[in-house]
């Protein structure tokens, strides 16, 4: 089969959607059933995902820095659509897959991946220009797409029930976990621990972009309410790029940082991230809403116990292994953190079962199940 795969989302720093697009692009490139794979990035063809990463950096900077962001985003999208139509006019027998919500105009079979509906359910947690763009463009994409992939059954049900998409168009294809996320021996992590000023087996880890939907402000307040000796033994370490609308987070986090109880490492390298996971005592991810929650599986694959939220797709993703709590209940978060850090029998059980659970989600499974959907769109 012949596939055009849009790689706009492969842009540094890689977050969940960018990682998904990169893993699919690499998997499709070597798949036995893909006769021809064409990668389209921004406004041009690229030869490989690495080239996309470089190409997309320029456009990401333009979208971030230009004034009148809404108008700039609209102009970029219109230009991209115009050029894509011209670049694909003479291509025959291809299907188009965009892994990041919005389809470009295409005469052949097409499918999109919709990761979540957070811009509709929690518009206040997104930049306004992003919300307006999705409100205008997503309904048309859903109507035109021959298939719509989602990362979880929860999101598929939301798209069906809230946006009226027919069930026959929806396909659930879970994300995967890279084999780099795995338990590691002390000598394998010592260098990274020293470089980042961490002590293996002691810190409470969070990996999330610093934006309101990740619920980091409530997490920080719950952590601050733990006994002082617990906080002293287990500092809170936050990994992830600074996002948007983070003023609420600064209030509880600033005193913790001033006292040395918390640190923000920012965006860390692809090489160091798996090491930082494996060196943690525990992992917390109390997000208000997720389409999948890939960091939860990455933590499980790293052999550390997990606390996450009892809402959206997160219970579906972690099964009955992680400790799931109400993300709006700071008392429940505090008690969950205490158990996560101090209840040794439960911690060992969670870490052991989490390893087995995460092993069922390789990226190769995601690639195979995606190609199976492509086959549905091929003429008999």
Protein backbone atom coordinates (compact mmCIF):
# COMPACT_ATOMS: atom_id res chain seq x y z
CA UNK A 1 0.00 0.00 0.00
CA UNK A 2 0.99 3.62 -0.52
CA UNK A 3 0.83 6.07 2.37
CA UNK A 4 1.28 9.80 2.81
CA UNK A 5 2.07 10.49 6.45
CA UNK A 6 1.99 14.00 7.85
CA UNK A 7 4.90 14.70 10.20
CA UNK A 8 4.19 18.28 11.29
CA UNK A 9 3.95 17.12 14.91
CA UNK A 10 7.56 15.87 14.98
CA UNK A 11 8.98 19.02 16.53
CA UNK A 12 11.35 19.62 19.43
CA UNK A 13 10.78 19.37 22.28
CA UNK A 14 9.00 16.08 21.57
CA UNK A 15 5.82 15.69 23.61
CA UNK A 16 3.19 12.93 23.42
CA UNK A 17 1.85 13.60 19.92
CA UNK A 18 5.30 14.26 18.52
CA UNK A 19 6.56 10.99 19.98
CA UNK A 20 3.55 9.14 18.52
CA UNK A 21 4.18 10.63 15.06
CA UNK A 22 7.88 9.82 15.20
CA UNK A 23 7.36 6.20 16.27
CA UNK A 24 4.72 5.64 13.58
CA UNK A 25 6.87 7.23 10.88
CA UNK A 26 9.81 5.01 11.77
CA UNK A 27 7.63 1.91 12.01
CA UNK A 28 5.83 2.53 8.74
CA UNK A 29 9.14 3.12 6.92
CA UNK A 30 10.20 -0.48 7.57
CA UNK A 31 6.81 -2.20 7.41
CA UNK A 32 6.56 -5.06 4.95
CA UNK A 33 3.13 -3.98 3.67
CA UNK A 34 4.04 -0.35 2.92
CA UNK A 35 5.11 -0.20 -0.70
CA UNK A 36 5.68 3.56 -0.66
CA UNK A 37 5.80 6.01 2.26
CA UNK A 38 5.85 9.75 1.61
CA UNK A 39 6.46 12.10 4.55
CA UNK A 40 5.01 15.61 4.39
CA UNK A 41 6.31 18.18 6.84
CA UNK A 42 5.03 21.73 7.16
CA UNK A 43 4.86 22.75 3.47
CA UNK A 44 7.15 20.23 1.75
CA UNK A 45 8.16 16.62 1.37
CA UNK A 46 10.97 15.33 3.58
CA UNK A 47 13.07 12.20 3.29
CA UNK A 48 12.99 11.03 6.91
CA UNK A 49 11.71 11.97 10.40
CA UNK A 50 15.05 13.54 11.36
CA UNK A 51 14.67 16.02 8.51
CA UNK A 52 11.13 16.74 9.69
CA UNK A 53 12.44 17.56 13.16
CA UNK A 54 14.76 20.17 11.69
CA UNK A 55 12.21 21.56 9.22
CA UNK A 56 9.45 21.90 11.79
CA UNK A 57 11.62 23.88 14.22
CA UNK A 58 11.43 26.96 11.98
CA UNK A 59 7.64 26.85 11.69
CA UNK A 60 7.20 26.18 15.40
CA UNK A 61 9.28 29.28 16.16
CA UNK A 62 7.26 31.37 13.72
CA UNK A 63 3.94 30.26 15.23
CA UNK A 64 5.25 30.92 18.74
CA UNK A 65 6.77 34.36 18.10
CA UNK A 66 4.69 36.07 15.46
CA UNK A 67 2.19 38.72 16.65
CA UNK A 68 -1.54 38.11 16.09
CA UNK A 69 -1.10 34.40 16.76
CA UNK A 70 -4.58 33.42 15.62
CA UNK A 71 -4.12 35.09 12.26
CA UNK A 72 -0.65 33.61 11.88
CA UNK A 73 -1.97 30.12 12.58
CA UNK A 74 -4.79 30.56 10.07
CA UNK A 75 -2.40 31.86 7.44
CA UNK A 76 0.02 28.98 8.00
CA UNK A 77 -2.79 26.39 7.79
CA UNK A 78 -4.17 27.92 4.58
CA UNK A 79 -0.74 28.02 2.96
CA UNK A 80 -0.05 24.44 4.01
CA UNK A 81 -3.38 23.25 2.54
CA UNK A 82 -2.73 25.06 -0.73
CA UNK A 83 0.75 23.64 -1.15
CA UNK A 84 -0.26 20.13 -0.09
CA UNK A 85 -3.04 20.09 -2.68
CA UNK A 86 -0.54 21.10 -5.35
CA UNK A 87 2.08 18.60 -4.19
CA UNK A 88 -0.33 15.65 -4.20
CA UNK A 89 -2.34 16.45 -7.32
CA UNK A 90 -0.63 13.81 -9.43
CA UNK A 91 -0.22 11.13 -6.76
CA UNK A 92 -2.49 8.13 -7.35
CA UNK A 93 -3.30 5.15 -5.14
CA UNK A 94 -2.20 6.78 -1.87
CA UNK A 95 -4.01 7.19 1.42
CA UNK A 96 -3.36 10.11 3.79
CA UNK A 97 -2.85 9.82 7.54
CA UNK A 98 -2.44 12.89 9.72
CA UNK A 99 -1.52 11.96 13.31
CA UNK A 100 -2.41 15.35 14.79
CA UNK A 101 -6.14 16.08 14.44
CA UNK A 102 -6.55 18.20 11.29
CA UNK A 103 -6.63 16.69 7.81
CA UNK A 104 -5.25 18.48 4.81
CA UNK A 105 -7.30 18.48 1.58
CA UNK A 106 -6.84 15.19 -0.25
CA UNK A 107 -8.78 13.40 -2.98
CA UNK A 108 -8.02 9.86 -1.80
CA UNK A 109 -8.84 7.86 1.36
CA UNK A 110 -7.86 9.67 4.55
CA UNK A 111 -7.69 9.10 8.26
CA UNK A 112 -6.75 11.21 11.24
CA UNK A 113 -5.77 10.58 14.84
CA UNK A 114 -7.69 12.53 17.49
CA UNK A 115 -5.85 12.17 20.77
CA UNK A 116 -8.34 13.93 23.05
CA UNK A 117 -11.01 16.63 23.23
CA UNK A 118 -9.31 18.76 25.87
CA UNK A 119 -9.64 21.93 23.81
CA UNK A 120 -13.43 21.46 23.91
CA UNK A 121 -13.75 20.13 27.47
CA UNK A 122 -11.14 22.39 29.11
CA UNK A 123 -10.77 25.39 26.77
CA UNK A 124 -9.48 27.54 29.62
CA UNK A 125 -6.37 25.36 29.84
CA UNK A 126 -5.33 26.02 26.22
CA UNK A 127 -4.08 29.09 24.37
CA UNK A 128 -7.20 30.76 22.88
CA UNK A 129 -5.89 30.63 19.31
CA UNK A 130 -5.56 26.83 19.52
CA UNK A 131 -9.13 26.45 20.77
CA UNK A 132 -10.53 28.63 18.00
CA UNK A 133 -8.52 26.78 15.36
CA UNK A 134 -9.80 23.36 16.47
CA UNK A 135 -13.38 24.60 16.85
CA UNK A 136 -13.29 25.78 13.26
CA UNK A 137 -11.36 22.93 11.63
CA UNK A 138 -11.99 19.71 13.57
CA UNK A 139 -15.71 19.20 12.72
CA UNK A 140 -14.91 19.33 9.00
CA UNK A 141 -12.04 16.88 9.46
CA UNK A 142 -14.24 14.41 11.35
CA UNK A 143 -16.88 14.59 8.63
CA UNK A 144 -14.36 14.03 5.84
CA UNK A 145 -12.14 11.35 7.40
CA UNK A 146 -12.82 7.77 6.35
CA UNK A 147 -11.43 6.52 9.67
CA UNK A 148 -10.64 8.24 12.98
CA UNK A 149 -8.01 6.71 15.23
CA UNK A 150 -8.05 7.32 18.98
CA UNK A 151 -5.56 6.31 21.67
CA UNK A 152 -8.21 4.94 24.04
CA UNK A 153 -11.78 3.69 24.15
CA UNK A 154 -12.61 6.62 26.42
CA UNK A 155 -11.79 9.15 23.70
CA UNK A 156 -13.58 7.14 21.00
CA UNK A 157 -16.71 7.21 23.14
CA UNK A 158 -16.35 10.96 23.68
CA UNK A 159 -16.02 11.63 19.96
CA UNK A 160 -19.09 9.50 19.27
CA UNK A 161 -21.25 10.90 22.06
CA UNK A 162 -20.22 14.57 22.06
CA UNK A 163 -19.43 15.20 18.40
CA UNK A 164 -21.85 12.75 16.79
CA UNK A 165 -19.28 10.71 14.86
CA UNK A 166 -20.55 7.33 13.68
CA UNK A 167 -19.10 4.35 15.53
CA UNK A 168 -18.12 2.58 12.30
CA UNK A 169 -15.54 5.31 11.57
CA UNK A 170 -13.77 4.99 14.94
CA UNK A 171 -10.81 2.73 15.68
CA UNK A 172 -8.95 2.47 18.99
CA UNK A 173 -5.18 2.02 18.64
CA UNK A 174 -3.26 2.37 21.93
CA UNK A 175 0.10 4.08 22.07
CA UNK A 176 3.33 2.26 22.84
CA UNK A 177 6.33 2.39 25.15
CA UNK A 178 9.89 2.50 23.90
CA UNK A 179 12.19 -0.27 25.12
CA UNK A 180 14.53 2.40 26.51
CA UNK A 181 12.12 2.72 29.45
CA UNK A 182 13.20 -0.15 31.67
CA UNK A 183 14.62 -0.83 35.15
CA UNK A 184 18.32 -0.04 35.37
CA UNK A 185 21.17 -1.02 37.67
CA UNK A 186 22.87 1.61 39.83
CA UNK A 187 26.02 1.79 37.69
CA UNK A 188 23.85 2.53 34.62
CA UNK A 189 22.27 5.63 36.14
CA UNK A 190 25.01 7.09 38.34
CA UNK A 191 26.33 9.52 35.74
CA UNK A 192 22.91 10.98 34.94
CA UNK A 193 22.01 11.20 38.62
CA UNK A 194 25.13 13.23 39.30
CA UNK A 195 24.60 15.43 36.26
CA UNK A 196 21.10 16.39 37.39
CA UNK A 197 21.86 16.49 41.11
CA UNK A 198 19.54 13.57 41.94
CA UNK A 199 19.84 10.69 44.38
CA UNK A 200 18.62 7.39 42.97
CA UNK A 201 15.66 5.81 44.72
CA UNK A 202 14.69 8.91 46.68
CA UNK A 203 12.84 11.48 44.55
CA UNK A 204 9.17 11.66 43.60
CA UNK A 205 9.01 12.18 39.84
CA UNK A 206 6.50 14.05 37.68
CA UNK A 207 6.84 14.24 33.88
CA UNK A 208 4.43 16.75 32.37
CA UNK A 209 4.28 20.02 30.50
CA UNK A 210 3.61 22.78 33.01
CA UNK A 211 0.06 23.70 31.99
CA UNK A 212 -3.22 23.70 33.95
CA UNK A 213 -4.66 20.40 32.71
CA UNK A 214 -1.74 18.49 34.25
CA UNK A 215 -3.00 19.53 37.71
CA UNK A 216 0.46 20.28 39.05
CA UNK A 217 -0.73 23.04 41.39
CA UNK A 218 -2.96 20.64 43.33
CA UNK A 219 -0.17 18.08 43.34
CA UNK A 220 2.24 20.64 44.78
CA UNK A 221 -0.21 21.62 47.52
CA UNK A 222 -0.85 17.95 48.39
CA UNK A 223 2.88 17.28 48.47
CA UNK A 224 3.45 20.34 50.69
CA UNK A 225 0.93 18.89 53.17
CA UNK A 226 2.98 15.71 53.65
CA UNK A 227 5.00 15.43 56.88
CA UNK A 228 8.26 17.33 56.72
CA UNK A 229 10.39 14.23 57.15
CA UNK A 230 8.71 12.59 54.13
CA UNK A 231 9.38 15.64 51.98
CA UNK A 232 12.97 15.77 53.19
CA UNK A 233 13.57 12.15 52.20
CA UNK A 234 11.68 12.37 48.91
CA UNK A 235 11.98 15.70 47.06
CA UNK A 236 9.50 16.47 44.28
CA UNK A 237 11.20 16.58 40.86
CA UNK A 238 9.29 17.94 37.86
CA UNK A 239 10.49 17.17 34.33
CA UNK A 240 8.86 18.92 31.39
CA UNK A 241 8.87 22.10 29.39
CA UNK A 242 7.27 25.25 30.76
CA UNK A 243 3.89 25.51 29.06
CA UNK A 244 1.19 28.11 29.44
CA UNK A 245 -1.14 29.62 32.06
CA UNK A 246 1.18 28.44 34.83
CA UNK A 247 0.71 31.31 37.32
CA UNK A 248 -1.37 29.12 39.66
CA UNK A 249 1.45 26.60 39.84
CA UNK A 250 4.00 29.16 40.97
CA UNK A 251 2.21 29.91 44.25
CA UNK A 252 2.55 26.47 45.91
CA UNK A 253 5.74 25.51 44.10
CA UNK A 254 7.87 28.57 44.86
CA UNK A 255 8.08 27.91 48.65
CA UNK A 256 8.91 24.25 48.00
CA UNK A 257 11.70 25.22 45.62
CA UNK A 258 13.01 27.84 48.04
CA UNK A 259 13.29 25.21 50.79
CA UNK A 260 14.91 22.63 48.50
CA UNK A 261 11.90 20.29 48.65
CA UNK A 262 11.20 20.59 44.92
CA UNK A 263 13.11 21.11 41.70
CA UNK A 264 12.18 21.69 38.09
CA UNK A 265 14.57 20.14 35.61
CA UNK A 266 12.77 21.49 32.54
CA UNK A 267 12.98 19.56 29.30
CA UNK A 268 15.62 16.83 29.55
CA UNK A 269 17.32 15.00 26.71
CA UNK A 270 15.99 11.87 25.09
CA UNK A 271 18.98 10.02 26.48
CA UNK A 272 18.50 11.14 30.09
CA UNK A 273 14.71 10.83 30.41
CA UNK A 274 14.54 7.01 30.71
CA UNK A 275 17.36 7.12 33.27
CA UNK A 276 15.55 9.72 35.36
CA UNK A 277 12.41 7.56 35.31
CA UNK A 278 14.27 4.46 36.45
CA UNK A 279 16.06 6.33 39.22
CA UNK A 280 12.86 7.62 40.84
CA UNK A 281 11.30 6.23 43.98
CA UNK A 282 7.81 6.77 42.58
CA UNK A 283 5.89 8.56 39.84
CA UNK A 284 2.87 10.88 40.12
CA UNK A 285 0.63 11.95 37.23
CA UNK A 286 -2.66 13.41 38.59
CA UNK A 287 -3.84 14.94 35.30
CA UNK A 288 -7.39 16.26 35.03
CA UNK A 289 -7.87 14.74 31.59
CA UNK A 290 -5.85 12.57 29.20
CA UNK A 291 -6.47 10.85 25.91
CA UNK A 292 -3.99 8.18 26.93
CA UNK A 293 -1.37 9.28 29.47
CA UNK A 294 1.84 7.88 28.00
CA UNK A 295 4.02 8.90 30.99
CA UNK A 296 2.07 6.46 33.17
CA UNK A 297 3.13 3.53 30.97
CA UNK A 298 6.69 4.85 30.71
CA UNK A 299 6.91 4.87 34.51
CA UNK A 300 5.48 1.35 34.75
CA UNK A 301 7.96 0.12 32.16
CA UNK A 302 10.72 1.68 34.26
CA UNK A 303 9.74 -0.44 37.24
CA UNK A 304 8.50 2.30 39.58
CA UNK A 305 5.12 2.54 41.36
CA UNK A 306 2.58 5.02 39.98
CA UNK A 307 -0.13 7.33 41.27
CA UNK A 308 -2.51 8.77 38.69
CA UNK A 309 -6.06 10.07 38.31
CA UNK A 310 -9.31 8.14 38.45
CA UNK A 311 -10.74 10.08 35.49
CA UNK A 312 -10.69 10.09 31.68
CA UNK A 313 -8.57 7.40 29.99
CA UNK A 314 -6.09 6.89 32.83
CA UNK A 315 -7.81 3.96 34.61
CA UNK A 316 -8.20 2.28 31.21
CA UNK A 317 -4.49 2.66 30.46
CA UNK A 318 -3.10 1.56 33.83
CA UNK A 319 -5.62 -1.23 34.49
CA UNK A 320 -6.02 -1.89 38.21
CA UNK A 321 -2.30 -1.59 38.92
CA UNK A 322 -1.61 2.10 39.60
CA UNK A 323 -3.08 3.97 42.55
CA UNK A 324 -5.94 6.01 41.04
CA UNK A 325 -7.30 8.96 43.04
CA UNK A 326 -9.70 11.84 42.51
CA UNK A 327 -7.47 14.57 41.02
CA UNK A 328 -9.65 17.34 42.48
CA UNK A 329 -9.39 16.02 46.06
CA UNK A 330 -6.18 17.32 47.62
CA UNK A 331 -6.64 15.19 50.72
CA UNK A 332 -6.90 12.08 48.55
CA UNK A 333 -3.82 13.20 46.63
CA UNK A 334 -1.88 13.71 49.87
CA UNK A 335 -2.81 10.29 51.24
CA UNK A 336 -2.09 8.71 47.88
CA UNK A 337 1.37 10.27 47.80
CA UNK A 338 2.06 9.04 51.32
CA UNK A 339 1.18 5.48 50.30
CA UNK A 340 3.10 5.80 47.04
CA UNK A 341 6.25 6.77 48.94
CA UNK A 342 5.94 4.83 52.20
CA UNK A 343 3.86 1.64 51.79
CA UNK A 344 6.65 -0.75 50.80
CA UNK A 345 4.59 -3.95 50.23
CA UNK A 346 2.16 -2.10 47.96
CA UNK A 347 5.03 -0.33 46.17
CA UNK A 348 6.71 -3.64 45.32
CA UNK A 349 3.43 -5.12 44.09
CA UNK A 350 2.71 -2.09 41.89
CA UNK A 351 6.21 -2.01 40.42
CA UNK A 352 6.20 -5.74 39.61
CA UNK A 353 2.75 -5.80 38.01
CA UNK A 354 3.41 -2.54 36.19
CA UNK A 355 6.36 -4.07 34.36
CA UNK A 356 4.19 -6.91 33.08
CA UNK A 357 1.39 -4.55 32.09
CA UNK A 358 3.63 -2.11 30.20
CA UNK A 359 5.24 -4.96 28.26
CA UNK A 360 1.91 -5.38 26.46
CA UNK A 361 2.25 -1.96 24.79
CA UNK A 362 5.24 -2.00 22.41
CA UNK A 363 5.26 0.59 19.62
CA UNK A 364 5.31 -2.31 17.15
CA UNK A 365 1.76 -3.13 18.27
CA UNK A 366 0.69 0.45 17.58
CA UNK A 367 2.24 0.30 14.11
CA UNK A 368 0.62 -3.06 13.26
CA UNK A 369 -2.83 -1.98 14.42
CA UNK A 370 -2.52 1.28 12.46
CA UNK A 371 -1.57 -0.59 9.29
CA UNK A 372 -4.60 -2.85 9.85
CA UNK A 373 -6.79 0.27 9.63
CA UNK A 374 -5.00 1.34 6.45
CA UNK A 375 -5.93 -2.02 4.92
CA UNK A 376 -9.61 -1.24 5.50
CA UNK A 377 -9.29 1.75 3.18
CA UNK A 378 -7.57 -0.07 0.34
CA UNK A 379 -9.76 -1.00 -2.62
CA UNK A 380 -10.47 -4.72 -2.91
